[in-house]
Structure formats: structure tokens, C-alpha cells
């Protein structure tokens, strides 16, 4: 059975119900991941969990070592990732405490390293459909079974942060038809695809972005309250979804690199071959 990875966002530092829990430190060629990985089992499914910002929320979105995080997941045998992420709503119908399972991303980050393929190796993976729909369907169905307010499909715009949007930016994203806004998932999705890990997002709405007329009356205390309630609901969704993902026989990203590596094999540096072996080993000896 496949191993399912979970990357937890703001407030989500553990998954309820996991047994045989162990902490695993993973070394990567890209430096340290956000924290130690938590491994265990949920029903019969192997699970690997990582708090995106580190336990205690110590790492800013712009400072997350995304390559180390995804590489660590790959090294631990993860084939599918469910990413849980707090976000702001860009549409009236997506209310605080709702969930959205997006099917598209828009990248507005600046300067983040979002590829494993540098320093002598080039690869171009297909990324027209950045979300693995087989996982997204399970997440959505799980939320529906639990009678959560959940929306299917939509675009997550990934801003740089750590500051929130200006009103001009917020209105611009709305004019583009964007649905929710966050600071982390785009880079994860790109690297997961390169690592042939299927990826999907459970976006938890904590507030309306600053475009909304009610914005000035929203306090940080209110947002934190929504965040904690959303985290509790997200844990229930994960408990239902993870075993279902673990039963899947095929993942859409499993062969993403099959025709993507462009570089002449004889010209790829030996160190790169060694460093990227968990990712490219089945294609390049």
C-alpha cells in the first residue's frame, strides 16, 4: 500500500489517531527540512507528517526549505501528499470556516527555488493540471461525508508574504477570477510533481481577504479562533481521507519524469546523480 504524506499548515502540528508514532530526522542535499518527520500508521495506511512551519510556527513562508521538505517525503517513500493550508477568501461565497479543494494555482512568489533540476541537469515536467485529481476527489468526498462546508475546484493564488495583501492586490486577484489566496502551496506542488508525488490541497478559509467590506471589523483574535476550529475540522477530514488515499492503486504523478529529463545522461555531474537518486534513480543510473 502507498505511503501518504501530510504537510500541515498554520496550527496543524499533529494528526489524531496515528499509531506507532516515530520521529525521523532526514538529511537532504538541500539542507534541513522544516522539522523532524512524524511517521506512523492510520488504520492500515503508512503516514508521514511534517509541520510546514516547524512546530511552534518558527519558519516564515518565504524561508521554508521546500526542496528539503519534499525531498524528505520522497526519501521516506511517500507517493501522495495532502497539503493542509490556511487561506483567505477572494469570493463572497467562500466564507470563513469553509474549505476549498482547488484544482489550479497561480504563482505570485518571488525568488523561491521551485525545482530540483539545477547545476547541470534540466527537466521540464508537465504541470497544466497541478493538482492530482484522484486525491482531490477523496478529500472533497470526505469533507462532504462529514457535512463540512466544502467547495470543489478553484484557483489558489500563491502570494509571497509574509505580509498580507494590499487592497489593490486583493481587488486585482478578484478581477482575475481567483478564489483563495495563500503563501505556500504552489512551490510544494511544483516540487512534488518533479519528485513524482501526487499532490492535492485542502484549503481552510480563515478570513475574507482585505477586499471585503467587513475586513476592518475582523480582529486577529477572530481569525485565530477560525483557524483553531478549521484545524479541528481538517483533522477529521484527514482521518477519513488518508485511508482512502492509501487504497489507491495508481497515482497521476507517478511517471511525471518519464520524458521530462532533457540533459544528455553522460553530461550529468556524478554528484547530481547521487544527490537526486531518490528522484531520478529509476531513469538514470
Protein backbone atom coordinates (compact mmCIF):
# COMPACT_ATOMS: atom_id res chain seq x y z
CA UNK A 1 0.00 0.00 0.00
CA UNK A 2 1.25 3.53 -0.74
CA UNK A 3 2.59 5.84 1.93
CA UNK A 4 0.60 9.07 2.32
CA UNK A 5 2.30 12.30 3.28
CA UNK A 6 0.59 15.19 5.06
CA UNK A 7 2.03 18.69 5.21
CA UNK A 8 0.34 20.66 7.97
CA UNK A 9 -0.07 24.41 7.81
CA UNK A 10 -0.79 27.02 10.46
CA UNK A 11 -1.97 25.37 13.66
CA UNK A 12 -1.78 21.77 12.41
CA UNK A 13 1.17 20.14 14.14
CA UNK A 14 -0.08 16.58 14.50
CA UNK A 15 -2.68 14.14 13.18
CA UNK A 16 -5.07 12.46 15.59
CA UNK A 17 -5.34 8.69 15.53
CA UNK A 18 -1.89 7.82 14.21
CA UNK A 19 -0.34 4.77 15.88
CA UNK A 20 3.26 3.51 16.05
CA UNK A 21 4.46 7.09 16.04
CA UNK A 22 8.15 7.80 15.46
CA UNK A 23 10.13 10.97 14.83
CA UNK A 24 12.54 10.72 11.92
CA UNK A 25 15.28 13.21 11.09
CA UNK A 26 16.05 13.22 7.36
CA UNK A 27 19.22 14.61 5.82
CA UNK A 28 18.91 16.07 2.34
CA UNK A 29 21.33 17.61 -0.20
CA UNK A 30 19.29 20.80 0.13
CA UNK A 31 19.66 21.32 3.87
CA UNK A 32 17.30 20.74 6.77
CA UNK A 33 13.54 20.22 6.39
CA UNK A 34 11.15 22.32 8.46
CA UNK A 35 11.19 19.79 11.31
CA UNK A 36 11.52 16.10 12.03
CA UNK A 37 9.08 13.92 10.11
CA UNK A 38 6.43 12.06 12.10
CA UNK A 39 5.79 8.54 10.81
CA UNK A 40 3.11 6.08 11.82
CA UNK A 41 0.01 4.26 10.66
CA UNK A 42 -3.63 5.27 10.39
CA UNK A 43 -5.76 2.14 10.06
CA UNK A 44 -3.59 0.16 7.58
CA UNK A 45 -2.05 3.16 5.85
CA UNK A 46 1.52 4.34 6.40
CA UNK A 47 1.58 8.08 7.07
CA UNK A 48 4.37 10.67 7.07
CA UNK A 49 3.56 14.06 8.60
CA UNK A 50 5.54 17.30 8.52
CA UNK A 51 4.62 20.67 10.07
CA UNK A 52 5.34 23.12 7.26
CA UNK A 53 6.41 26.00 9.51
CA UNK A 54 8.06 23.79 12.13
CA UNK A 55 6.50 23.03 15.48
CA UNK A 56 5.69 26.28 17.21
CA UNK A 57 5.38 28.05 13.83
CA UNK A 58 9.00 29.23 13.60
CA UNK A 59 9.52 29.47 9.83
CA UNK A 60 8.13 32.20 7.56
CA UNK A 61 6.58 31.15 4.22
CA UNK A 62 9.48 32.75 2.34
CA UNK A 63 12.06 30.90 4.47
CA UNK A 64 10.61 27.37 4.23
CA UNK A 65 13.08 24.91 2.72
CA UNK A 66 10.57 23.49 0.26
CA UNK A 67 13.11 21.33 -1.56
CA UNK A 68 14.26 19.67 1.66
CA UNK A 69 10.64 19.06 2.74
CA UNK A 70 9.58 17.36 -0.49
CA UNK A 71 12.89 15.51 -0.88
CA UNK A 72 12.43 14.16 2.65
CA UNK A 73 8.94 12.95 1.79
CA UNK A 74 10.31 11.19 -1.29
CA UNK A 75 13.14 9.61 0.67
CA UNK A 76 10.58 8.22 3.14
CA UNK A 77 8.61 6.57 0.34
CA UNK A 78 5.70 8.99 0.08
CA UNK A 79 3.64 8.66 -3.12
CA UNK A 80 0.83 11.08 -2.32
CA UNK A 81 0.70 14.33 -0.34
CA UNK A 82 -2.30 16.03 1.22
CA UNK A 83 -1.42 19.63 1.98
CA UNK A 84 -3.49 21.47 4.58
CA UNK A 85 -3.24 25.23 4.28
CA UNK A 86 -4.96 28.24 5.85
CA UNK A 87 -6.04 30.80 3.26
CA UNK A 88 -8.01 33.95 2.64
CA UNK A 89 -11.18 34.05 0.55
CA UNK A 90 -11.45 36.15 -2.60
CA UNK A 91 -15.13 35.42 -3.19
CA UNK A 92 -18.22 36.12 -1.10
CA UNK A 93 -19.43 32.51 -1.31
CA UNK A 94 -16.27 31.13 0.33
CA UNK A 95 -16.91 32.03 3.94
CA UNK A 96 -14.61 31.75 6.97
CA UNK A 97 -14.75 28.15 8.27
CA UNK A 98 -15.38 26.81 4.73
CA UNK A 99 -12.96 24.52 2.92
CA UNK A 100 -11.96 24.60 -0.72
CA UNK A 101 -10.20 21.87 -2.70
CA UNK A 102 -8.54 23.80 -5.54
CA UNK A 103 -7.62 22.39 -8.93
CA UNK A 104 -5.38 25.25 -10.11
CA UNK A 105 -2.62 27.54 -8.84
CA UNK A 106 -1.29 30.95 -9.82
CA UNK A 107 2.27 31.79 -8.78
CA UNK A 108 2.94 35.29 -7.47
CA UNK A 109 6.02 34.40 -5.43
CA UNK A 110 9.44 35.96 -5.97
CA UNK A 111 12.81 34.23 -5.82
CA UNK A 112 11.78 30.87 -4.38
CA UNK A 113 13.70 27.86 -5.67
CA UNK A 114 10.97 25.64 -7.09
CA UNK A 115 12.93 22.93 -8.91
CA UNK A 116 15.30 20.10 -8.07
CA UNK A 117 16.86 20.36 -11.51
CA UNK A 118 19.78 22.79 -11.40
CA UNK A 119 23.59 22.71 -11.56
CA UNK A 120 23.97 20.54 -14.64
CA UNK A 121 20.61 18.81 -15.12
CA UNK A 122 17.43 20.12 -16.77
CA UNK A 123 13.93 18.66 -16.67
CA UNK A 124 10.58 20.03 -17.80
CA UNK A 125 7.58 18.31 -16.20
CA UNK A 126 4.02 18.76 -17.42
CA UNK A 127 2.15 20.99 -14.99
CA UNK A 128 -1.04 22.06 -16.77
CA UNK A 129 -3.03 20.26 -14.08
CA UNK A 130 -1.03 20.87 -10.88
CA UNK A 131 -3.44 19.05 -8.56
CA UNK A 132 -3.76 15.27 -8.60
CA UNK A 133 -7.49 14.87 -9.04
CA UNK A 134 -7.66 11.33 -7.65
CA UNK A 135 -6.59 12.70 -4.24
CA UNK A 136 -8.65 15.89 -4.53
CA UNK A 137 -11.81 13.83 -5.12
CA UNK A 138 -11.19 11.84 -1.92
CA UNK A 139 -10.57 15.00 0.13
CA UNK A 140 -13.74 16.62 -1.20
CA UNK A 141 -15.87 13.50 -0.67
CA UNK A 142 -14.52 13.08 2.87
CA UNK A 143 -15.45 16.65 3.77
CA UNK A 144 -18.92 16.16 2.30
CA UNK A 145 -19.47 12.97 4.30
CA UNK A 146 -18.63 14.91 7.45
CA UNK A 147 -21.12 17.62 6.41
CA UNK A 148 -18.43 20.28 6.17
CA UNK A 149 -18.95 23.35 4.01
CA UNK A 150 -16.57 22.46 1.18
CA UNK A 151 -16.17 23.75 -2.37
CA UNK A 152 -14.78 21.75 -5.29
CA UNK A 153 -12.34 23.33 -7.73
CA UNK A 154 -10.99 26.84 -8.00
CA UNK A 155 -7.68 28.68 -8.16
CA UNK A 156 -5.32 29.24 -5.24
CA UNK A 157 -3.14 32.30 -5.85
CA UNK A 158 0.18 31.98 -4.06
CA UNK A 159 1.44 35.38 -2.89
CA UNK A 160 4.93 35.89 -1.45
CA UNK A 161 4.09 37.20 2.02
CA UNK A 162 4.67 37.26 4.88
CA UNK A 163 2.65 40.48 4.72
CA UNK A 164 -0.99 40.14 3.69
CA UNK A 165 -2.34 41.75 0.50
CA UNK A 166 -2.91 45.41 -0.14
CA UNK A 167 -6.44 46.28 -1.20
CA UNK A 168 -5.15 47.00 -4.71
CA UNK A 169 -3.67 43.49 -4.92
CA UNK A 170 -6.77 41.89 -3.47
CA UNK A 171 -9.05 43.62 -5.99
CA UNK A 172 -6.67 42.68 -8.81
CA UNK A 173 -6.81 38.97 -7.90
CA UNK A 174 -10.59 39.15 -7.70
CA UNK A 175 -10.72 40.75 -11.17
CA UNK A 176 -8.67 37.79 -12.44
CA UNK A 177 -11.24 35.35 -11.04
CA UNK A 178 -9.03 33.91 -8.30
CA UNK A 179 -10.75 32.03 -5.48
CA UNK A 180 -8.47 31.84 -2.44
CA UNK A 181 -5.07 33.25 -1.51
CA UNK A 182 -2.23 31.70 0.48
CA UNK A 183 1.55 31.77 0.82
CA UNK A 184 2.88 28.22 0.47
CA UNK A 185 1.28 25.60 -1.76
CA UNK A 186 2.49 26.49 -5.26
CA UNK A 187 6.15 25.72 -4.59
CA UNK A 188 5.25 22.47 -2.85
CA UNK A 189 3.10 21.40 -5.78
CA UNK A 190 5.86 22.09 -8.32
CA UNK A 191 8.47 20.14 -6.39
CA UNK A 192 6.08 17.28 -5.64
CA UNK A 193 5.39 16.89 -9.36
CA UNK A 194 9.13 16.78 -10.09
CA UNK A 195 9.50 14.13 -7.38
CA UNK A 196 6.63 12.13 -8.93
CA UNK A 197 4.50 12.58 -5.82
CA UNK A 198 0.81 13.22 -6.40
CA UNK A 199 -0.32 16.36 -4.57
CA UNK A 200 -3.60 17.95 -3.52
CA UNK A 201 -4.62 20.79 -1.21
CA UNK A 202 -7.23 21.15 1.49
CA UNK A 203 -7.52 24.93 1.78
CA UNK A 204 -9.09 26.12 5.04
CA UNK A 205 -10.68 29.58 4.81
CA UNK A 206 -9.94 31.67 7.90
CA UNK A 207 -10.97 35.13 6.65
CA UNK A 208 -12.02 37.24 3.72
CA UNK A 209 -9.01 38.95 2.19
CA UNK A 210 -8.90 42.73 2.65
CA UNK A 211 -11.23 43.38 -0.33
CA UNK A 212 -14.29 42.56 1.78
CA UNK A 213 -16.35 45.39 3.38
CA UNK A 214 -16.21 43.57 6.73
CA UNK A 215 -12.39 43.50 6.76
CA UNK A 216 -11.90 46.43 9.12
CA UNK A 217 -14.11 44.78 11.76
CA UNK A 218 -12.17 41.50 11.65
CA UNK A 219 -9.71 41.08 14.50
CA UNK A 220 -6.68 38.85 14.77
CA UNK A 221 -8.45 37.11 17.65
CA UNK A 222 -11.36 36.24 15.35
CA UNK A 223 -9.02 34.87 12.67
CA UNK A 224 -7.13 32.73 15.21
CA UNK A 225 -10.44 31.40 16.50
CA UNK A 226 -11.49 30.40 12.97
CA UNK A 227 -8.04 28.87 12.46
CA UNK A 228 -8.32 26.62 15.51
CA UNK A 229 -11.82 25.49 14.57
CA UNK A 230 -10.70 24.82 10.99
CA UNK A 231 -7.74 22.78 12.22
CA UNK A 232 -10.08 20.57 14.27
CA UNK A 233 -12.30 20.05 11.23
CA UNK A 234 -9.29 19.42 8.97
CA UNK A 235 -8.08 16.67 11.31
CA UNK A 236 -11.44 14.91 10.98
CA UNK A 237 -11.25 15.17 7.19
CA UNK A 238 -7.72 13.75 7.21
CA UNK A 239 -8.74 10.80 9.38
CA UNK A 240 -11.36 9.88 6.79
CA UNK A 241 -9.35 10.73 3.66
CA UNK A 242 -5.93 9.23 4.41
CA UNK A 243 -7.02 5.57 4.47
CA UNK A 244 -8.93 6.12 1.21
CA UNK A 245 -5.87 7.61 -0.48
CA UNK A 246 -3.90 4.65 0.86
CA UNK A 247 -6.17 2.29 -1.07
CA UNK A 248 -5.47 3.89 -4.45
CA UNK A 249 -3.65 1.67 -6.91
CA UNK A 250 -2.41 4.37 -9.27
CA UNK A 251 -1.28 7.98 -8.90
CA UNK A 252 -1.30 10.54 -11.70
CA UNK A 253 2.17 11.94 -10.96
CA UNK A 254 3.88 8.54 -10.78
CA UNK A 255 5.58 8.88 -14.19
CA UNK A 256 5.95 12.66 -14.36
CA UNK A 257 9.70 12.44 -15.16
CA UNK A 258 9.46 9.70 -17.76
CA UNK A 259 10.08 12.06 -20.70
CA UNK A 260 10.99 15.21 -18.75
CA UNK A 261 14.76 14.93 -18.27
CA UNK A 262 16.35 16.70 -21.23
CA UNK A 263 20.05 16.63 -20.35
CA UNK A 264 22.37 14.13 -22.02
CA UNK A 265 22.86 11.41 -19.42
CA UNK A 266 26.63 11.35 -19.97
CA UNK A 267 26.86 15.05 -19.10
CA UNK A 268 25.00 14.97 -15.79
CA UNK A 269 27.51 15.52 -12.96
CA UNK A 270 28.11 12.49 -10.73
CA UNK A 271 27.22 14.49 -7.63
CA UNK A 272 23.84 15.44 -9.09
CA UNK A 273 23.13 11.80 -9.95
CA UNK A 274 23.95 10.85 -6.37
CA UNK A 275 22.04 13.70 -4.74
CA UNK A 276 18.91 13.18 -6.83
CA UNK A 277 18.95 9.39 -6.78
CA UNK A 278 15.69 9.09 -4.80
CA UNK A 279 14.01 11.17 -7.51
CA UNK A 280 15.76 10.23 -10.78
CA UNK A 281 17.26 6.85 -9.90
CA UNK A 282 14.81 4.81 -11.93
CA UNK A 283 15.66 6.80 -15.05
CA UNK A 284 19.37 7.49 -14.65
CA UNK A 285 21.88 5.02 -13.24
